[in-house]
Each structure stands twice: as C-alpha cells, then as structure tokens.
Amino acid sequence: MKLGEIKVPQGAVKRRKIVGRGPGSGHGKTSTRGQKGQRSRSGAHIHVEFEGGQMPLIRRVPKRGFTNRFKKVSQVVNLSDLSSFKENSVVTPVELYKEGVIKDEKAAVKILGDGEISKAMTVKAQAFSTSAAEKIAKAGGKTEIIK
C-alpha cells in the first residue's frame, strides 16, 4: 500500500454547514443562532470562566497564604557535590556550572554541609551554611562570600 492509495473512511469527512443563504437553504434568516440572546449577536464572545452571572469559581474558592515577591531563591550545592574538584582548586559558580552541578551560573549559590569533604579548596559562593563552612575549614580550605 502506498500513501496515495489510502482512502478516508466513509463518514469521516463532513461537509461544512453553510448558513445565511436565504430561506430556501433551511439555514437562512437567523443562521441557526436563534432569535435573541447573547450568542445570537455578531461579535459575541463569552469568556471561558464566565458562568452566566453565577459567582465564578475563582471567587468562590477561599484564598490562603502569601507569596513573597522579593524572595531570594538559591541553587543548593552539597559538600558531597564538590568531590569532583581537585586539591587546592578554586570553586566558583562558573566552575560548578561547567561541571554540571548547577543549572544557572548567574543565579545565587548556597553551599550546604551535607556530605564530607577531604580536599583543601577555596570555595566562592553567595552563601554558606554554618556546618559547610566548618567542614571546609576543617579540611584546610577557605570560604569566600561573593556578591
């Protein structure tokens, strides 16, 4: 069977209803819209959320909570993620991005103390947890907070 030999099943393709072509067509005058009402008018557009004057669902449902527009979101990096770096290396957000540890090199990075670190290295990030800073210092490394 070839692409050109495929036939459409009977009844799959319907002819478009032609309206507004006089009384002899059976769809003249009001063109199947009825006499009056919102949907009978030209240019009528009813929004999806419109419920016919009933109180809309979005207004019936109680609102809870608060979203802080100024919340600072950091990318989290654990100490166990720093094991791929060499001894005495300088770890920056750009280096973390190159290694695939973080997804955005321009967003803020926070180093957390989950895991262990055995190599001495200088870690530069926007924020450090207390346990992470202690473990890096214990391993002989340094922490630098960058803006």
C-alpha atoms as a PDB file:
ATOM      1  CA  MET A   1       0.000   0.000   0.000  1.00  0.00           C
ATOM      2  CA  LYS A   2       1.252   3.454  -0.926  1.00  0.00           C
ATOM      3  CA  LEU A   3       0.477   6.792   0.679  1.00  0.00           C
ATOM      4  CA  GLY A   4      -1.602   7.866  -2.314  1.00  0.00           C
ATOM      5  CA  GLU A   5      -3.754   4.719  -2.142  1.00  0.00           C
ATOM      6  CA  ILE A   6      -5.037   5.353   1.398  1.00  0.00           C
ATOM      7  CA  LYS A   7      -8.758   6.154   1.395  1.00  0.00           C
ATOM      8  CA  VAL A   8     -10.610   8.152   4.000  1.00  0.00           C
ATOM      9  CA  PRO A   9     -13.218   6.061   5.873  1.00  0.00           C
ATOM     10  CA  GLN A  10     -16.813   6.771   4.918  1.00  0.00           C
ATOM     11  CA  GLY A  11     -18.362   9.434   7.165  1.00  0.00           C
ATOM     12  CA  ALA A  12     -15.008  10.753   8.423  1.00  0.00           C
ATOM     13  CA  VAL A  13     -15.133  13.951   6.348  1.00  0.00           C
ATOM     14  CA  LYS A  14     -18.284  16.022   6.815  1.00  0.00           C
ATOM     15  CA  ARG A  15     -19.360  18.947   4.657  1.00  0.00           C
ATOM     16  CA  ARG A  16     -19.281  22.349   6.393  1.00  0.00           C
ATOM     17  CA  LYS A  17     -22.738  23.728   7.268  1.00  0.00           C
ATOM     18  CA  ILE A  18     -23.470  26.726   5.050  1.00  0.00           C
ATOM     19  CA  VAL A  19     -25.647  29.269   6.825  1.00  0.00           C
ATOM     20  CA  GLY A  20     -27.195  32.615   5.946  1.00  0.00           C
ATOM     21  CA  ARG A  21     -28.017  31.846   2.308  1.00  0.00           C
ATOM     22  CA  GLY A  22     -31.755  32.556   2.254  1.00  0.00           C
ATOM     23  CA  PRO A  23     -34.923  30.777   3.365  1.00  0.00           C
ATOM     24  CA  GLY A  24     -34.660  28.032   0.739  1.00  0.00           C
ATOM     25  CA  SER A  25     -31.451  26.685   2.306  1.00  0.00           C
ATOM     26  CA  GLY A  26     -33.123  25.898   5.620  1.00  0.00           C
ATOM     27  CA  HIS A  27     -30.425  27.894   7.412  1.00  0.00           C
ATOM     28  CA  GLY A  28     -31.422  31.437   6.432  1.00  0.00           C
ATOM     29  CA  LYS A  29     -32.610  34.470   8.432  1.00  0.00           C
ATOM     30  CA  THR A  30     -31.091  33.877  11.890  1.00  0.00           C
ATOM     31  CA  SER A  31     -28.487  31.436  10.527  1.00  0.00           C
ATOM     32  CA  THR A  32     -29.083  28.755  13.214  1.00  0.00           C
ATOM     33  CA  ARG A  33     -28.379  31.259  16.030  1.00  0.00           C
ATOM     34  CA  GLY A  34     -31.929  31.655  17.297  1.00  0.00           C
ATOM     35  CA  GLN A  35     -33.953  34.852  17.782  1.00  0.00           C
ATOM     36  CA  LYS A  36     -32.344  36.799  20.637  1.00  0.00           C
ATOM     37  CA  GLY A  37     -29.704  36.428  23.288  1.00  0.00           C
ATOM     38  CA  GLN A  38     -26.004  36.806  23.870  1.00  0.00           C
ATOM     39  CA  ARG A  39     -24.869  34.194  21.343  1.00  0.00           C
ATOM     40  CA  SER A  40     -27.140  35.492  18.593  1.00  0.00           C
ATOM     41  CA  ARG A  41     -25.324  38.841  18.284  1.00  0.00           C
ATOM     42  CA  SER A  42     -22.425  39.441  15.933  1.00  0.00           C
ATOM     43  CA  GLY A  43     -19.037  39.614  17.603  1.00  0.00           C
ATOM     44  CA  ALA A  44     -20.309  37.737  20.657  1.00  0.00           C
ATOM     45  CA  HIS A  45     -17.501  36.400  22.793  1.00  0.00           C
ATOM     46  CA  ILE A  46     -18.128  34.756  26.148  1.00  0.00           C
ATOM     47  CA  HIS A  47     -15.078  34.140  28.316  1.00  0.00           C
ATOM     48  CA  VAL A  48     -14.360  30.558  29.333  1.00  0.00           C
ATOM     49  CA  GLU A  49     -14.615  31.383  33.037  1.00  0.00           C
ATOM     50  CA  PHE A  50     -17.994  33.160  32.616  1.00  0.00           C
ATOM     51  CA  GLU A  51     -20.686  31.223  34.491  1.00  0.00           C
ATOM     52  CA  GLY A  52     -23.823  33.060  33.371  1.00  0.00           C
ATOM     53  CA  GLY A  53     -23.830  35.586  36.207  1.00  0.00           C
ATOM     54  CA  GLN A  54     -23.249  32.974  38.907  1.00  0.00           C
ATOM     55  CA  MET A  55     -20.378  33.783  41.259  1.00  0.00           C
ATOM     56  CA  PRO A  56     -17.303  32.473  39.392  1.00  0.00           C
ATOM     57  CA  LEU A  57     -15.338  29.553  40.821  1.00  0.00           C
ATOM     58  CA  ILE A  58     -12.171  31.613  41.257  1.00  0.00           C
ATOM     59  CA  ARG A  59     -14.104  33.975  43.549  1.00  0.00           C
ATOM     60  CA  ARG A  60     -15.921  31.194  45.429  1.00  0.00           C
ATOM     61  CA  VAL A  61     -12.762  29.333  46.447  1.00  0.00           C
ATOM     62  CA  PRO A  62     -11.105  30.721  49.605  1.00  0.00           C
ATOM     63  CA  LYS A  63      -7.672  32.256  49.233  1.00  0.00           C
ATOM     64  CA  ARG A  64      -4.896  31.154  51.582  1.00  0.00           C
ATOM     65  CA  GLY A  65      -1.309  32.137  52.124  1.00  0.00           C
ATOM     66  CA  PHE A  66       1.032  34.740  50.736  1.00  0.00           C
ATOM     67  CA  THR A  67       3.737  34.769  48.060  1.00  0.00           C
ATOM     68  CA  ASN A  68       6.724  36.972  48.762  1.00  0.00           C
ATOM     69  CA  ARG A  69       7.702  38.694  45.508  1.00  0.00           C
ATOM     70  CA  PHE A  70      11.152  39.558  46.883  1.00  0.00           C
ATOM     71  CA  LYS A  71      12.092  36.043  47.994  1.00  0.00           C
ATOM     72  CA  LYS A  72      15.697  35.132  47.241  1.00  0.00           C
ATOM     73  CA  VAL A  73      16.000  31.683  45.688  1.00  0.00           C
ATOM     74  CA  SER A  74      19.403  29.965  45.821  1.00  0.00           C
ATOM     75  CA  GLN A  75      20.753  26.944  43.993  1.00  0.00           C
ATOM     76  CA  VAL A  76      21.735  24.361  46.576  1.00  0.00           C
ATOM     77  CA  VAL A  77      25.112  22.602  46.379  1.00  0.00           C
ATOM     78  CA  ASN A  78      26.102  19.997  48.970  1.00  0.00           C
ATOM     79  CA  LEU A  79      29.683  19.308  50.046  1.00  0.00           C
ATOM     80  CA  SER A  80      29.408  15.839  48.511  1.00  0.00           C
ATOM     81  CA  ASP A  81      28.984  17.544  45.094  1.00  0.00           C
ATOM     82  CA  LEU A  82      32.421  19.181  45.463  1.00  0.00           C
ATOM     83  CA  SER A  83      34.273  15.839  45.495  1.00  0.00           C
ATOM     84  CA  SER A  84      34.885  16.016  41.711  1.00  0.00           C
ATOM     85  CA  PHE A  85      37.149  19.055  42.114  1.00  0.00           C
ATOM     86  CA  LYS A  86      40.928  18.728  42.572  1.00  0.00           C
ATOM     87  CA  GLU A  87      43.007  19.537  45.658  1.00  0.00           C
ATOM     88  CA  ASN A  88      43.740  23.304  46.135  1.00  0.00           C
ATOM     89  CA  SER A  89      41.356  24.310  43.331  1.00  0.00           C
ATOM     90  CA  VAL A  90      39.178  27.436  43.372  1.00  0.00           C
ATOM     91  CA  VAL A  91      35.493  26.526  43.142  1.00  0.00           C
ATOM     92  CA  THR A  92      33.262  29.307  41.789  1.00  0.00           C
ATOM     93  CA  PRO A  93      29.688  29.298  40.442  1.00  0.00           C
ATOM     94  CA  VAL A  94      31.155  29.303  36.901  1.00  0.00           C
ATOM     95  CA  GLU A  95      33.195  26.155  37.691  1.00  0.00           C
ATOM     96  CA  LEU A  96      30.141  24.495  39.266  1.00  0.00           C
ATOM     97  CA  TYR A  97      28.141  25.286  36.109  1.00  0.00           C
ATOM     98  CA  LYS A  98      30.862  23.799  33.872  1.00  0.00           C
ATOM     99  CA  GLU A  99      30.856  20.601  35.947  1.00  0.00           C
ATOM    100  CA  GLY A 100      27.043  20.399  35.677  1.00  0.00           C
ATOM    101  CA  VAL A 101      26.459  20.750  39.418  1.00  0.00           C
ATOM    102  CA  ILE A 102      24.225  23.833  38.986  1.00  0.00           C
ATOM    103  CA  LYS A 103      21.939  24.861  36.109  1.00  0.00           C
ATOM    104  CA  ASP A 104      22.420  28.654  36.089  1.00  0.00           C
ATOM    105  CA  GLU A 105      25.816  30.261  36.586  1.00  0.00           C
ATOM    106  CA  LYS A 106      24.312  33.722  37.249  1.00  0.00           C
ATOM    107  CA  ALA A 107      21.872  32.678  39.994  1.00  0.00           C
ATOM    108  CA  ALA A 108      22.879  32.663  43.672  1.00  0.00           C
ATOM    109  CA  VAL A 109      24.589  29.550  45.063  1.00  0.00           C
ATOM    110  CA  LYS A 110      24.398  28.296  48.637  1.00  0.00           C
ATOM    111  CA  ILE A 111      26.779  25.606  49.883  1.00  0.00           C
ATOM    112  CA  LEU A 112      25.237  23.197  52.407  1.00  0.00           C
ATOM    113  CA  GLY A 113      27.039  20.822  54.741  1.00  0.00           C
ATOM    114  CA  ASP A 114      25.518  17.534  53.566  1.00  0.00           C
ATOM    115  CA  GLY A 115      28.337  15.043  52.960  1.00  0.00           C
ATOM    116  CA  GLU A 116      32.038  15.171  53.714  1.00  0.00           C
ATOM    117  CA  ILE A 117      34.974  16.995  52.129  1.00  0.00           C
ATOM    118  CA  SER A 118      38.532  15.679  52.352  1.00  0.00           C
ATOM    119  CA  LYS A 119      40.401  18.038  49.980  1.00  0.00           C
ATOM    120  CA  ALA A 120      41.547  21.566  50.784  1.00  0.00           C
ATOM    121  CA  MET A 121      39.979  24.042  48.344  1.00  0.00           C
ATOM    122  CA  THR A 122      38.808  27.633  48.135  1.00  0.00           C
ATOM    123  CA  VAL A 123      35.061  27.788  47.674  1.00  0.00           C
ATOM    124  CA  LYS A 124      33.438  31.015  46.477  1.00  0.00           C
ATOM    125  CA  ALA A 125      29.638  31.322  46.739  1.00  0.00           C
ATOM    126  CA  GLN A 126      26.888  33.753  47.718  1.00  0.00           C
ATOM    127  CA  ALA A 127      26.037  31.875  50.952  1.00  0.00           C
ATOM    128  CA  PHE A 128      27.301  29.044  53.189  1.00  0.00           C
ATOM    129  CA  SER A 129      25.601  27.090  55.925  1.00  0.00           C
ATOM    130  CA  THR A 130      27.441  27.034  59.253  1.00  0.00           C
ATOM    131  CA  SER A 131      28.188  23.307  59.031  1.00  0.00           C
ATOM    132  CA  ALA A 132      29.517  23.647  55.468  1.00  0.00           C
ATOM    133  CA  ALA A 133      31.875  26.483  56.418  1.00  0.00           C
ATOM    134  CA  GLU A 134      33.158  24.467  59.393  1.00  0.00           C
ATOM    135  CA  LYS A 135      33.778  21.309  57.315  1.00  0.00           C
ATOM    136  CA  ILE A 136      35.608  23.250  54.577  1.00  0.00           C
ATOM    137  CA  ALA A 137      37.818  24.961  57.193  1.00  0.00           C
ATOM    138  CA  LYS A 138      38.452  21.609  58.930  1.00  0.00           C
ATOM    139  CA  ALA A 139      39.648  20.137  55.608  1.00  0.00           C
ATOM    140  CA  GLY A 140      42.108  23.038  55.245  1.00  0.00           C
ATOM    141  CA  GLY A 141      40.117  25.078  52.743  1.00  0.00           C
ATOM    142  CA  LYS A 142      38.734  28.609  52.664  1.00  0.00           C
ATOM    143  CA  THR A 143      35.281  30.092  52.129  1.00  0.00           C
ATOM    144  CA  GLU A 144      34.664  33.399  50.355  1.00  0.00           C
ATOM    145  CA  ILE A 145      31.305  35.098  50.104  1.00  0.00           C
ATOM    146  CA  ILE A 146      30.782  36.816  46.753  1.00  0.00           C
ATOM    147  CA  LYS A 147      28.077  39.294  45.799  1.00  0.00           C
END
